[in-house]
Amino acid sequence: MGIILKGLNGLAETIGGLLLLFVTPDRLHRLVVLMTQAELSEDPHDFVARHILQTADGITGNGLVFGSIYLLAHGIVKIVLVVALLQNRLWAYPWMIGVLIIFIGYQAYRIVLAPGPAMIILTVFDLAIVALTWREYRKQREHRAARTSSDQHRG
């Protein structure tokens, strides 16, 4: 289940990265204002809505390009690895763990520079997926070793 959620997360990141390629900072700001307007009219001090609005205000053209590249890389790598994992490709488990550890390292660096709830949540989610992937990798290796041993005894 966690792997499928990671695949859906990768798909959402890829779509988000593609959208960021075609959005100007001004359009992004207007979109965020539109999305947060109702919540802020009910509660002008809403933490999440204000944080989203502040983040959108701080994004420049370079920030959009970086965000787009980051989301595309993160999303595409996850999709490829999730597909391989769903096909029980044993090589994909260590690759998924390694790639996620690299992203977790970068995310930890970003959290130290500018802590934010979205990055913290993403990092915790990635850590959970690493743990689940490691557990599943061990199970798959044991299962294959047992099957190979059984096949050798028959032959």
Protein backbone atom coordinates (compact mmCIF):
# COMPACT_ATOMS: atom_id res chain seq x y z
CA MET A 1 0.00 0.00 0.00
CA GLY A 2 2.82 2.39 0.89
CA ILE A 3 4.52 1.73 -2.44
CA ILE A 4 1.30 2.52 -4.33
CA LEU A 5 0.91 5.74 -2.32
CA LYS A 6 4.50 6.63 -3.22
CA GLY A 7 3.68 6.01 -6.88
CA LEU A 8 0.63 8.27 -6.67
CA ASN A 9 2.77 10.84 -4.88
CA GLY A 10 5.32 10.57 -7.71
CA LEU A 11 2.58 11.06 -10.27
CA ALA A 12 1.30 14.16 -8.45
CA GLU A 13 4.85 15.54 -8.21
CA THR A 14 5.42 14.94 -11.93
CA ILE A 15 2.17 16.71 -12.82
CA GLY A 16 3.03 19.55 -10.43
CA GLY A 17 6.51 19.85 -11.93
CA LEU A 18 5.08 20.04 -15.45
CA LEU A 19 2.57 22.68 -14.36
CA LEU A 20 5.31 24.78 -12.77
CA LEU A 21 7.18 24.83 -16.08
CA PHE A 22 4.32 26.81 -17.63
CA VAL A 23 3.33 29.08 -14.75
CA THR A 24 4.67 32.57 -14.17
CA PRO A 25 5.18 33.79 -10.58
CA ASP A 26 2.29 36.24 -11.08
CA ARG A 27 -0.08 33.49 -12.24
CA LEU A 28 0.98 31.27 -9.37
CA HIS A 29 0.30 34.08 -6.90
CA ARG A 30 -3.17 34.69 -8.38
CA LEU A 31 -3.95 30.95 -8.25
CA VAL A 32 -2.89 30.70 -4.61
CA VAL A 33 -4.90 33.81 -3.70
CA LEU A 34 -7.93 32.27 -5.38
CA MET A 35 -7.41 28.96 -3.55
CA THR A 36 -6.92 30.54 -0.10
CA GLN A 37 -9.41 33.40 -0.39
CA ALA A 38 -12.40 31.55 1.07
CA GLU A 39 -10.45 30.16 4.02
CA LEU A 40 -8.86 33.52 4.82
CA SER A 41 -12.24 35.29 4.63
CA GLU A 42 -13.53 32.88 7.32
CA ASP A 43 -10.34 32.99 9.41
CA PRO A 44 -7.83 35.72 8.50
CA HIS A 45 -5.25 34.05 10.76
CA ASP A 46 -5.53 30.53 9.28
CA PHE A 47 -2.00 29.11 9.62
CA VAL A 48 -2.02 26.84 6.55
CA ALA A 49 -3.62 29.34 4.17
CA ARG A 50 -1.29 32.15 5.28
CA HIS A 51 1.75 29.89 4.98
CA ILE A 52 0.77 28.82 1.46
CA LEU A 53 0.20 32.46 0.48
CA GLN A 54 3.56 33.55 1.95
CA THR A 55 5.36 30.73 0.17
CA ALA A 56 3.77 31.65 -3.17
CA ASP A 57 4.74 35.31 -2.65
CA GLY A 58 8.38 34.30 -2.18
CA ILE A 59 8.66 32.25 -5.37
CA THR A 60 10.55 33.91 -8.20
CA GLY A 61 11.14 32.75 -11.76
CA ASN A 62 14.28 30.86 -10.70
CA GLY A 63 12.36 29.31 -7.82
CA LEU A 64 9.71 28.05 -10.21
CA VAL A 65 12.31 26.48 -12.49
CA PHE A 66 14.08 24.85 -9.54
CA GLY A 67 10.77 23.65 -8.07
CA SER A 68 9.75 22.26 -11.43
CA ILE A 69 13.02 20.37 -11.95
CA TYR A 70 12.97 19.07 -8.36
CA LEU A 71 9.37 17.86 -8.62
CA LEU A 72 9.92 16.30 -12.05
CA ALA A 73 13.07 14.47 -10.95
CA HIS A 74 11.50 13.32 -7.68
CA GLY A 75 8.27 12.26 -9.39
CA ILE A 76 9.72 10.48 -12.42
CA VAL A 77 12.28 8.54 -10.36
CA LYS A 78 9.55 7.44 -7.95
CA ILE A 79 7.23 6.35 -10.75
CA VAL A 80 9.94 4.29 -12.48
CA LEU A 81 11.01 2.64 -9.23
CA VAL A 82 7.44 2.00 -8.05
CA VAL A 83 6.60 0.30 -11.38
CA ALA A 84 9.73 -1.86 -11.01
CA LEU A 85 8.82 -2.71 -7.41
CA LEU A 86 5.30 -3.67 -8.41
CA GLN A 87 6.86 -6.01 -11.00
CA ASN A 88 8.94 -7.55 -8.16
CA ARG A 89 12.25 -6.43 -9.63
CA LEU A 90 14.65 -7.08 -6.76
CA TRP A 91 17.15 -4.44 -7.97
CA ALA A 92 14.53 -1.70 -7.52
CA TYR A 93 14.37 -2.03 -3.73
CA PRO A 94 17.91 -0.80 -2.97
CA TRP A 95 17.58 1.84 -5.69
CA MET A 96 14.33 3.13 -4.16
CA ILE A 97 15.94 3.23 -0.72
CA GLY A 98 19.05 5.00 -2.04
CA VAL A 99 17.14 7.58 -4.04
CA LEU A 100 14.83 8.34 -1.14
CA ILE A 101 17.79 8.71 1.23
CA ILE A 102 19.32 11.25 -1.16
CA PHE A 103 16.04 13.18 -1.28
CA ILE A 104 15.67 12.91 2.52
CA GLY A 105 19.16 14.37 2.92
CA TYR A 106 18.30 17.29 0.68
CA GLN A 107 14.94 17.77 2.41
CA ALA A 108 16.66 17.76 5.83
CA TYR A 109 19.02 20.45 4.54
CA ARG A 110 16.02 22.52 3.38
CA ILE A 111 14.29 22.00 6.73
CA VAL A 112 17.36 23.31 8.57
CA LEU A 113 17.46 26.39 6.31
CA ALA A 114 13.73 27.13 6.34
CA PRO A 115 11.56 24.77 8.38
CA GLY A 116 8.11 24.28 6.90
CA PRO A 117 5.32 21.82 7.55
CA ALA A 118 5.10 20.56 3.95
CA MET A 119 8.79 19.61 3.77
CA ILE A 120 8.68 18.01 7.22
CA ILE A 121 5.61 15.94 6.29
CA LEU A 122 7.21 14.87 2.98
CA THR A 123 10.39 13.87 4.80
CA VAL A 124 8.55 11.83 7.43
CA PHE A 125 6.55 10.14 4.64
CA ASP A 126 9.77 9.35 2.74
CA LEU A 127 11.35 7.92 5.93
CA ALA A 128 8.34 5.66 6.43
CA ILE A 129 8.56 4.49 2.81
CA VAL A 130 12.28 3.73 3.25
CA ALA A 131 11.47 1.58 6.30
CA LEU A 132 8.65 -0.24 4.51
CA THR A 133 10.75 -0.74 1.36
CA TRP A 134 13.64 -2.14 3.41
CA ARG A 135 11.26 -4.56 5.18
CA GLU A 136 9.75 -5.70 1.89
CA TYR A 137 13.21 -6.06 0.29
CA ARG A 138 14.33 -8.36 3.11
CA LYS A 139 11.15 -10.42 2.72
CA GLN A 140 11.59 -10.71 -1.05
CA ARG A 141 15.24 -11.76 -0.69
CA GLU A 142 14.36 -14.39 1.90
CA HIS A 143 11.50 -15.66 -0.25
CA ARG A 144 13.72 -15.93 -3.34
CA ALA A 145 16.51 -17.60 -1.35
CA ALA A 146 14.06 -20.16 0.02
CA ARG A 147 12.63 -20.79 -3.45
CA THR A 148 16.13 -21.17 -4.95
CA SER A 149 17.14 -23.56 -2.16
CA SER A 150 13.96 -25.58 -2.70
CA ASP A 151 14.57 -25.72 -6.45
CA GLN A 152 18.16 -26.92 -5.91
CA HIS A 153 17.02 -29.72 -3.60
CA ARG A 154 14.53 -30.94 -6.20
CA GLY A 155 17.06 -30.86 -9.04
